[in-house]
Amino acid sequence: MAETELKDGERIDDLQRNGRVIIQNPSRFCFGIDAVLLSGFAKVKKGERLIDLGSGNGILPILLEAKNNGTSYTGLEIQPENVDMSNRSVQLNGTDNVSFIEGDICRASEIFGKNSCEVVTSNPPYMKAFAGEMNPADAVAVARHEIRMTLEDLIRETTSLLTGNGRCYYVHRPQRLADIICLMRKYRLEPKKMRLVYPYADREPVLVLIEGRKNGNPELRIDRPLILYEAPGIYTQEMRENYGF
């Protein structure tokens, strides 16, 4: 592993996947289980290019590169401190096909060009913004709330970025599912596969994983539920075997 400078409050975490590590700063918002689940749900085939919209500290491109055989993995992130931290993680990992750039999701197709990748991923802010209640400069608020972009911005730019039959993979809250599907169809992203994530078998779902295909034919497959815990603090067998928990 190469060396790099750590700044105040930062730490290096082992991702338990092909020797990959990531730099995190708890004061800026660390990655959660939702990003790990999306990295297992999304697929990047040999020769494909991936763009991750709203990459935060870089977790999705770093994990997806470790798990797949794509050509390139690029993260777009609006907060410069996160971009710097992500690129220092790349330096530690020594991976030359992963990179992060600073930019606005709302201008993603201008930054990269239209039809510039085969796969788009995103773990976007889940909650709508309410005027006057949040500081747009607060790193945690930007990660959680649609301050700098909306769900429609994300889906519109996804379509512009994807090649003719490219794919997108999102993780979001089930409460926004109607909005997600309506907007995907508005922008010619046909929902093709969906999986709901439950904390326990007898609880309501807390996350939804969804795959879309640009210009795809109408047909949505619902995968079996993904259960996180079999008891408090004890992950299910699938979580232990497939995600290393």
Foldseek 3Di string as FASTA:
>chain_A
DDDDDDDPQKDWAAQPFPRAIAIDHVQQDDDDVLLLVLLLVDAAAAAWEEEEEACQLNVNQRSNVRVYHYQAYEYEHADVVSQVRNVVSCVVVVDPRYHYDHDALLCLCVVQNFQRTQEYEYAAAAAEDDPPPDDPVRSVCRRHYQPRHDLLSNLLSVLRRHHQWGKYKYKYFPVCVVVNCVSNVVNQWAWAEKEFEAQEPPDDTGMMMTMTIHNDDHDYYYDYYHYAAHDVPHGDPCCCVVRVD
